[in-house]
Amino acid sequence: MKLKRNIAVSESGFLFDPTSGESYSLNEQGTEILNLLKEKKSDTEITGYMTDTYDISPDEFEKYYLDFVGMLRQFKLLEDE
């Protein structure tokens, strides 16, 4: 899964899609996940990083991660696979 190349993500959690002109505000964890996606990290690497960094189990993180990825797809922020 890849984030579209033209998506801009600021350190403060502001995301901008120049294709649609839409902007979104993310929390700290959402910003980290998007940055990891931009670095082309795998789902396993992202899960490992987030569970090591935050007090969350892999199963619990997976639930939130799948919801987050679903929203990215809904807003057409991911490359077609």
PDB file of N, CA and C in Angstrom:
ATOM      1  N   MET A   1       0.856  -1.164   0.000  1.00  0.00           N
ATOM      2  CA  MET A   1       0.000   0.000   0.000  1.00  0.00           C
ATOM      3  C   MET A   1       0.904   1.229   0.000  1.00  0.00           C
ATOM      4  N   LYS A   2       0.575   2.161  -0.865  1.00  0.00           N
ATOM      5  CA  LYS A   2       1.391   3.363  -0.979  1.00  0.00           C
ATOM      6  C   LYS A   2       0.503   4.600  -0.941  1.00  0.00           C
ATOM      7  N   LEU A   3       0.991   5.597  -0.225  1.00  0.00           N
ATOM      8  CA  LEU A   3       0.359   6.906  -0.229  1.00  0.00           C
ATOM      9  C   LEU A   3       0.691   7.574  -1.561  1.00  0.00           C
ATOM     10  N   LYS A   4      -0.266   8.285  -2.137  1.00  0.00           N
ATOM     11  CA  LYS A   4       0.008   8.983  -3.391  1.00  0.00           C
ATOM     12  C   LYS A   4       1.219   9.903  -3.218  1.00  0.00           C
ATOM     13  N   ARG A   5       2.028   9.993  -4.251  1.00  0.00           N
ATOM     14  CA  ARG A   5       3.278  10.768  -4.180  1.00  0.00           C
ATOM     15  C   ARG A   5       3.064  12.250  -3.948  1.00  0.00           C
ATOM     16  N   ASN A   6       1.965  12.798  -4.459  1.00  0.00           N
ATOM     17  CA  ASN A   6       1.785  14.242  -4.369  1.00  0.00           C
ATOM     18  C   ASN A   6       1.135  14.698  -3.065  1.00  0.00           C
ATOM     19  N   ILE A   7       0.851  13.779  -2.154  1.00  0.00           N
ATOM     20  CA  ILE A   7       0.236  14.130  -0.876  1.00  0.00           C
ATOM     21  C   ILE A   7       1.291  14.769   0.017  1.00  0.00           C
ATOM     22  N   ALA A   8       0.980  15.936   0.547  1.00  0.00           N
ATOM     23  CA  ALA A   8       1.894  16.644   1.449  1.00  0.00           C
ATOM     24  C   ALA A   8       1.431  16.440   2.884  1.00  0.00           C
ATOM     25  N   VAL A   9       2.381  16.092   3.752  1.00  0.00           N
ATOM     26  CA  VAL A   9       2.084  15.886   5.170  1.00  0.00           C
ATOM     27  C   VAL A   9       3.039  16.753   5.968  1.00  0.00           C
ATOM     28  N   SER A  10       2.495  17.677   6.771  1.00  0.00           N
ATOM     29  CA  SER A  10       3.353  18.526   7.594  1.00  0.00           C
ATOM     30  C   SER A  10       3.640  17.851   8.925  1.00  0.00           C
ATOM     31  N   GLU A  11       4.644  18.337   9.635  1.00  0.00           N
ATOM     32  CA  GLU A  11       4.993  17.807  10.947  1.00  0.00           C
ATOM     33  C   GLU A  11       3.860  17.985  11.948  1.00  0.00           C
ATOM     34  N   SER A  12       3.030  18.981  11.745  1.00  0.00           N
ATOM     35  CA  SER A  12       1.943  19.266  12.687  1.00  0.00           C
ATOM     36  C   SER A  12       0.682  18.457  12.394  1.00  0.00           C
ATOM     37  N   GLY A  13       0.716  17.596  11.370  1.00  0.00           N
ATOM     38  CA  GLY A  13      -0.416  16.736  11.090  1.00  0.00           C
ATOM     39  C   GLY A  13      -1.392  17.288  10.070  1.00  0.00           C
ATOM     40  N   PHE A  14      -0.966  18.245   9.297  1.00  0.00           N
ATOM     41  CA  PHE A  14      -1.799  18.802   8.234  1.00  0.00           C
ATOM     42  C   PHE A  14      -1.492  18.037   6.962  1.00  0.00           C
ATOM     43  N   LEU A  15      -2.509  17.495   6.326  1.00  0.00           N
ATOM     44  CA  LEU A  15      -2.355  16.727   5.099  1.00  0.00           C
ATOM     45  C   LEU A  15      -3.073  17.473   3.983  1.00  0.00           C
ATOM     46  N   PHE A  16      -2.429  17.593   2.840  1.00  0.00           N
ATOM     47  CA  PHE A  16      -3.017  18.300   1.709  1.00  0.00           C
ATOM     48  C   PHE A  16      -2.932  17.436   0.459  1.00  0.00           C
ATOM     49  N   ASP A  17      -4.073  17.306  -0.228  1.00  0.00           N
ATOM     50  CA  ASP A  17      -4.142  16.585  -1.494  1.00  0.00           C
ATOM     51  C   ASP A  17      -4.308  17.620  -2.601  1.00  0.00           C
ATOM     52  N   PRO A  18      -3.234  17.930  -3.347  1.00  0.00           N
ATOM     53  CA  PRO A  18      -3.319  18.955  -4.382  1.00  0.00           C
ATOM     54  C   PRO A  18      -4.227  18.564  -5.552  1.00  0.00           C
ATOM     55  N   THR A  19      -4.461  17.277  -5.742  1.00  0.00           N
ATOM     56  CA  THR A  19      -5.327  16.824  -6.820  1.00  0.00           C
ATOM     57  C   THR A  19      -6.765  17.260  -6.593  1.00  0.00           C
ATOM     58  N   SER A  20      -7.240  17.070  -5.370  1.00  0.00           N
ATOM     59  CA  SER A  20      -8.629  17.412  -5.052  1.00  0.00           C
ATOM     60  C   SER A  20      -8.764  18.781  -4.388  1.00  0.00           C
ATOM     61  N   GLY A  21      -7.655  19.300  -3.842  1.00  0.00           N
ATOM     62  CA  GLY A  21      -7.709  20.554  -3.099  1.00  0.00           C
ATOM     63  C   GLY A  21      -8.164  20.370  -1.665  1.00  0.00           C
ATOM     64  N   GLU A  22      -8.392  19.123  -1.257  1.00  0.00           N
ATOM     65  CA  GLU A  22      -8.859  18.829   0.099  1.00  0.00           C
ATOM     66  C   GLU A  22      -7.692  18.831   1.077  1.00  0.00           C
ATOM     67  N   SER A  23      -7.980  19.230   2.310  1.00  0.00           N
ATOM     68  CA  SER A  23      -6.991  19.156   3.376  1.00  0.00           C
ATOM     69  C   SER A  23      -7.614  18.456   4.575  1.00  0.00           C
ATOM     70  N   TYR A  24      -6.766  17.845   5.377  1.00  0.00           N
ATOM     71  CA  TYR A  24      -7.200  17.054   6.519  1.00  0.00           C
ATOM     72  C   TYR A  24      -6.260  17.330   7.684  1.00  0.00           C
ATOM     73  N   SER A  25      -6.783  17.195   8.886  1.00  0.00           N
ATOM     74  CA  SER A  25      -5.970  17.308  10.097  1.00  0.00           C
ATOM     75  C   SER A  25      -5.849  15.929  10.724  1.00  0.00           C
ATOM     76  N   LEU A  26      -4.636  15.562  11.066  1.00  0.00           N
ATOM     77  CA  LEU A  26      -4.365  14.251  11.651  1.00  0.00           C
ATOM     78  C   LEU A  26      -3.836  14.417  13.068  1.00  0.00           C
ATOM     79  N   ASN A  27      -4.068  13.385  13.883  1.00  0.00           N
ATOM     80  CA  ASN A  27      -3.431  13.397  15.196  1.00  0.00           C
ATOM     81  C   ASN A  27      -1.993  12.902  15.048  1.00  0.00           C
ATOM     82  N   GLU A  28      -1.270  12.848  16.148  1.00  0.00           N
ATOM     83  CA  GLU A  28       0.141  12.479  16.115  1.00  0.00           C
ATOM     84  C   GLU A  28       0.355  11.086  15.526  1.00  0.00           C
ATOM     85  N   GLN A  29      -0.486  10.140  15.932  1.00  0.00           N
ATOM     86  CA  GLN A  29      -0.331   8.776  15.447  1.00  0.00           C
ATOM     87  C   GLN A  29      -0.652   8.667  13.950  1.00  0.00           C
ATOM     88  N   GLY A  30      -1.673   9.352  13.503  1.00  0.00           N
ATOM     89  CA  GLY A  30      -2.006   9.353  12.082  1.00  0.00           C
ATOM     90  C   GLY A  30      -0.882   9.934  11.242  1.00  0.00           C
ATOM     91  N   THR A  31      -0.266  10.998  11.749  1.00  0.00           N
ATOM     92  CA  THR A  31       0.862  11.616  11.056  1.00  0.00           C
ATOM     93  C   THR A  31       2.031  10.643  10.957  1.00  0.00           C
ATOM     94  N   GLU A  32       2.307   9.940  12.060  1.00  0.00           N
ATOM     95  CA  GLU A  32       3.404   8.965  12.037  1.00  0.00           C
ATOM     96  C   GLU A  32       3.124   7.845  11.036  1.00  0.00           C
ATOM     97  N   ILE A  33       1.902   7.351  11.021  1.00  0.00           N
ATOM     98  CA  ILE A  33       1.554   6.281  10.085  1.00  0.00           C
ATOM     99  C   ILE A  33       1.722   6.759   8.644  1.00  0.00           C
ATOM    100  N   LEU A  34       1.251   7.963   8.337  1.00  0.00           N
ATOM    101  CA  LEU A  34       1.408   8.477   6.970  1.00  0.00           C
ATOM    102  C   LEU A  34       2.869   8.642   6.596  1.00  0.00           C
ATOM    103  N   ASN A  35       3.679   9.119   7.529  1.00  0.00           N
ATOM    104  CA  ASN A  35       5.104   9.257   7.237  1.00  0.00           C
ATOM    105  C   ASN A  35       5.756   7.902   7.006  1.00  0.00           C
ATOM    106  N   LEU A  36       5.339   6.888   7.759  1.00  0.00           N
ATOM    107  CA  LEU A  36       5.859   5.539   7.543  1.00  0.00           C
ATOM    108  C   LEU A  36       5.424   5.002   6.183  1.00  0.00           C
ATOM    109  N   LEU A  37       4.195   5.291   5.784  1.00  0.00           N
ATOM    110  CA  LEU A  37       3.730   4.883   4.453  1.00  0.00           C
ATOM    111  C   LEU A  37       4.546   5.576   3.365  1.00  0.00           C
ATOM    112  N   LYS A  38       4.841   6.857   3.565  1.00  0.00           N
ATOM    113  CA  LYS A  38       5.651   7.586   2.573  1.00  0.00           C
ATOM    114  C   LYS A  38       7.054   6.996   2.464  1.00  0.00           C
ATOM    115  N   GLU A  39       7.537   6.413   3.581  1.00  0.00           N
ATOM    116  CA  GLU A  39       8.851   5.762   3.584  1.00  0.00           C
ATOM    117  C   GLU A  39       8.767   4.336   3.040  1.00  0.00           C
ATOM    118  N   LYS A  40       7.578   3.955   2.561  1.00  0.00           N
ATOM    119  CA  LYS A  40       7.331   2.635   1.958  1.00  0.00           C
ATOM    120  C   LYS A  40       7.539   1.490   2.943  1.00  0.00           C
ATOM    121  N   LYS A  41       7.188   1.736   4.208  1.00  0.00           N
ATOM    122  CA  LYS A  41       7.254   0.687   5.216  1.00  0.00           C
ATOM    123  C   LYS A  41       6.089  -0.280   5.011  1.00  0.00           C
ATOM    124  N   SER A  42       6.321  -1.541   5.325  1.00  0.00           N
ATOM    125  CA  SER A  42       5.281  -2.562   5.196  1.00  0.00           C
ATOM    126  C   SER A  42       4.304  -2.450   6.369  1.00  0.00           C
ATOM    127  N   ASP A  43       3.159  -3.119   6.234  1.00  0.00           N
ATOM    128  CA  ASP A  43       2.186  -3.144   7.329  1.00  0.00           C
ATOM    129  C   ASP A  43       2.817  -3.729   8.594  1.00  0.00           C
ATOM    130  N   THR A  44       3.625  -4.758   8.431  1.00  0.00           N
ATOM    131  CA  THR A  44       4.292  -5.396   9.572  1.00  0.00           C
ATOM    132  C   THR A  44       5.255  -4.432  10.246  1.00  0.00           C
ATOM    133  N   GLU A  45       6.018  -3.671   9.448  1.00  0.00           N
ATOM    134  CA  GLU A  45       6.954  -2.692  10.009  1.00  0.00           C
ATOM    135  C   GLU A  45       6.205  -1.578  10.733  1.00  0.00           C
ATOM    136  N   ILE A  46       5.101  -1.133  10.161  1.00  0.00           N
ATOM    137  CA  ILE A  46       4.300  -0.078  10.788  1.00  0.00           C
ATOM    138  C   ILE A  46       3.723  -0.572  12.103  1.00  0.00           C
ATOM    139  N   THR A  47       3.179  -1.783  12.102  1.00  0.00           N
ATOM    140  CA  THR A  47       2.626  -2.353  13.331  1.00  0.00           C
ATOM    141  C   THR A  47       3.707  -2.474  14.399  1.00  0.00           C
ATOM    142  N   GLY A  48       4.869  -2.966  14.027  1.00  0.00           N
ATOM    143  CA  GLY A  48       5.980  -3.094  14.971  1.00  0.00           C
ATOM    144  C   GLY A  48       6.391  -1.760  15.558  1.00  0.00           C
ATOM    145  N   TYR A  49       6.525  -0.766  14.704  1.00  0.00           N
ATOM    146  CA  TYR A  49       6.917   0.572  15.172  1.00  0.00           C
ATOM    147  C   TYR A  49       5.881   1.138  16.146  1.00  0.00           C
ATOM    148  N   MET A  50       4.621   1.056  15.764  1.00  0.00           N
ATOM    149  CA  MET A  50       3.569   1.666  16.585  1.00  0.00           C
ATOM    150  C   MET A  50       3.385   0.934  17.917  1.00  0.00           C
ATOM    151  N   THR A  51       3.489  -0.395  17.904  1.00  0.00           N
ATOM    152  CA  THR A  51       3.325  -1.126  19.156  1.00  0.00           C
ATOM    153  C   THR A  51       4.544  -0.970  20.066  1.00  0.00           C
ATOM    154  N   ASP A  52       5.725  -0.731  19.483  1.00  0.00           N
ATOM    155  CA  ASP A  52       6.916  -0.451  20.290  1.00  0.00           C
ATOM    156  C   ASP A  52       6.875   0.960  20.865  1.00  0.00           C
ATOM    157  N   THR A  53       6.287   1.897  20.117  1.00  0.00           N
ATOM    158  CA  THR A  53       6.282   3.307  20.515  1.00  0.00           C
ATOM    159  C   THR A  53       5.139   3.630  21.475  1.00  0.00           C
ATOM    160  N   TYR A  54       3.994   2.995  21.268  1.00  0.00           N
ATOM    161  CA  TYR A  54       2.798   3.300  22.064  1.00  0.00           C
ATOM    162  C   TYR A  54       2.347   2.060  22.827  1.00  0.00           C
ATOM    163  N   ASP A  55       1.638   2.277  23.903  1.00  0.00           N
ATOM    164  CA  ASP A  55       1.142   1.193  24.741  1.00  0.00           C
ATOM    165  C   ASP A  55      -0.128   0.600  24.119  1.00  0.00           C
ATOM    166  N   ILE A  56       0.072  -0.213  23.087  1.00  0.00           N
ATOM    167  CA  ILE A  56      -1.046  -0.825  22.377  1.00  0.00           C
ATOM    168  C   ILE A  56      -0.616  -2.203  21.891  1.00  0.00           C
ATOM    169  N   SER A  57      -1.529  -3.168  21.968  1.00  0.00           N
ATOM    170  CA  SER A  57      -1.214  -4.522  21.511  1.00  0.00           C
ATOM    171  C   SER A  57      -1.304  -4.572  19.981  1.00  0.00           C
ATOM    172  N   PRO A  58      -0.620  -5.525  19.366  1.00  0.00           N
ATOM    173  CA  PRO A  58      -0.714  -5.655  17.907  1.00  0.00           C
ATOM    174  C   PRO A  58      -2.146  -5.849  17.417  1.00  0.00           C
ATOM    175  N   ASP A  59      -2.935  -6.656  18.129  1.00  0.00           N
ATOM    176  CA  ASP A  59      -4.328  -6.882  17.714  1.00  0.00           C
ATOM    177  C   ASP A  59      -5.151  -5.602  17.788  1.00  0.00           C
ATOM    178  N   GLU A  60      -4.970  -4.850  18.866  1.00  0.00           N
ATOM    179  CA  GLU A  60      -5.714  -3.597  19.019  1.00  0.00           C
ATOM    180  C   GLU A  60      -5.277  -2.585  17.957  1.00  0.00           C
ATOM    181  N   PHE A  61      -3.949  -2.501  17.717  1.00  0.00           N
ATOM    182  CA  PHE A  61      -3.466  -1.573  16.700  1.00  0.00           C
ATOM    183  C   PHE A  61      -4.006  -1.944  15.327  1.00  0.00           C
ATOM    184  N   GLU A  62      -4.040  -3.232  15.013  1.00  0.00           N
ATOM    185  CA  GLU A  62      -4.508  -3.671  13.696  1.00  0.00           C
ATOM    186  C   GLU A  62      -5.930  -3.178  13.421  1.00  0.00           C
ATOM    187  N   LYS A  63      -6.784  -3.233  14.431  1.00  0.00           N
ATOM    188  CA  LYS A  63      -8.165  -2.759  14.274  1.00  0.00           C
ATOM    189  C   LYS A  63      -8.178  -1.277  13.888  1.00  0.00           C
ATOM    190  N   TYR A  64      -7.436  -0.457  14.641  1.00  0.00           N
ATOM    191  CA  TYR A  64      -7.395   0.975  14.352  1.00  0.00           C
ATOM    192  C   TYR A  64      -6.713   1.251  13.007  1.00  0.00           C
ATOM    193  N   TYR A  65      -5.671   0.500  12.712  1.00  0.00           N
ATOM    194  CA  TYR A  65      -4.931   0.685  11.473  1.00  0.00           C
ATOM    195  C   TYR A  65      -5.816   0.394  10.258  1.00  0.00           C
ATOM    196  N   LEU A  66      -6.574  -0.697  10.328  1.00  0.00           N
ATOM    197  CA  LEU A  66      -7.463  -1.036   9.213  1.00  0.00           C
ATOM    198  C   LEU A  66      -8.542   0.044   9.026  1.00  0.00           C
ATOM    199  N   ASP A  67      -9.060   0.596  10.115  1.00  0.00           N
ATOM    200  CA  ASP A  67     -10.021   1.697  10.021  1.00  0.00           C
ATOM    201  C   ASP A  67      -9.379   2.923   9.371  1.00  0.00           C
ATOM    202  N   PHE A  68      -8.150   3.235   9.786  1.00  0.00           N
ATOM    203  CA  PHE A  68      -7.425   4.393   9.259  1.00  0.00           C
ATOM    204  C   PHE A  68      -7.153   4.224   7.764  1.00  0.00           C
ATOM    205  N   VAL A  69      -6.686   3.042   7.377  1.00  0.00           N
ATOM    206  CA  VAL A  69      -6.405   2.764   5.963  1.00  0.00           C
ATOM    207  C   VAL A  69      -7.700   2.833   5.149  1.00  0.00           C
ATOM    208  N   GLY A  70      -8.791   2.351   5.727  1.00  0.00           N
ATOM    209  CA  GLY A  70     -10.086   2.446   5.051  1.00  0.00           C
ATOM    210  C   GLY A  70     -10.470   3.886   4.769  1.00  0.00           C
ATOM    211  N   MET A  71     -10.197   4.773   5.718  1.00  0.00           N
ATOM    212  CA  MET A  71     -10.485   6.194   5.507  1.00  0.00           C
ATOM    213  C   MET A  71      -9.584   6.781   4.425  1.00  0.00           C
ATOM    214  N   LEU A  72      -8.310   6.377   4.407  1.00  0.00           N
ATOM    215  CA  LEU A  72      -7.398   6.852   3.356  1.00  0.00           C
ATOM    216  C   LEU A  72      -7.910   6.427   1.984  1.00  0.00           C
ATOM    217  N   ARG A  73      -8.391   5.204   1.892  1.00  0.00           N
ATOM    218  CA  ARG A  73      -8.939   4.720   0.610  1.00  0.00           C
ATOM    219  C   ARG A  73     -10.196   5.504   0.237  1.00  0.00           C
ATOM    220  N   GLN A  74     -11.063   5.728   1.210  1.00  0.00           N
ATOM    221  CA  GLN A  74     -12.309   6.461   0.974  1.00  0.00           C
ATOM    222  C   GLN A  74     -12.022   7.856   0.428  1.00  0.00           C
ATOM    223  N   PHE A  75     -10.984   8.511   0.955  1.00  0.00           N
ATOM    224  CA  PHE A  75     -10.634   9.861   0.515  1.00  0.00           C
ATOM    225  C   PHE A  75      -9.690   9.856  -0.688  1.00  0.00           C
ATOM    226  N   LYS A  76      -9.429   8.650  -1.232  1.00  0.00           N
ATOM    227  CA  LYS A  76      -8.599   8.469  -2.437  1.00  0.00           C
ATOM    228  C   LYS A  76      -7.186   9.046  -2.260  1.00  0.00           C
ATOM    229  N   LEU A  77      -6.577   8.723  -1.113  1.00  0.00           N
ATOM    230  CA  LEU A  77      -5.241   9.195  -0.816  1.00  0.00           C
ATOM    231  C   LEU A  77      -4.174   8.129  -1.053  1.00  0.00           C
ATOM    232  N   LEU A  78      -4.605   6.926  -1.416  1.00  0.00           N
ATOM    233  CA  LEU A  78      -3.673   5.828  -1.682  1.00  0.00           C
ATOM    234  C   LEU A  78      -3.601   5.554  -3.163  1.00  0.00           C
ATOM    235  N   GLU A  79      -2.433   5.054  -3.589  1.00  0.00           N
ATOM    236  CA  GLU A  79      -2.242   4.643  -4.986  1.00  0.00           C
ATOM    237  C   GLU A  79      -3.125   3.426  -5.248  1.00  0.00           C
ATOM    238  N   ASP A  80      -3.632   3.294  -6.454  1.00  0.00           N
ATOM    239  CA  ASP A  80      -4.349   2.095  -6.845  1.00  0.00           C
ATOM    240  C   ASP A  80      -3.367   0.939  -6.903  1.00  0.00           C
ATOM    241  N   GLU A  81      -3.796  -0.191  -6.373  1.00  0.00           N
ATOM    242  CA  GLU A  81      -2.890  -1.343  -6.346  1.00  0.00           C
ATOM    243  C   GLU A  81      -3.244  -2.314  -7.427  1.00  0.00           C
TER     244      GLU A  81
END
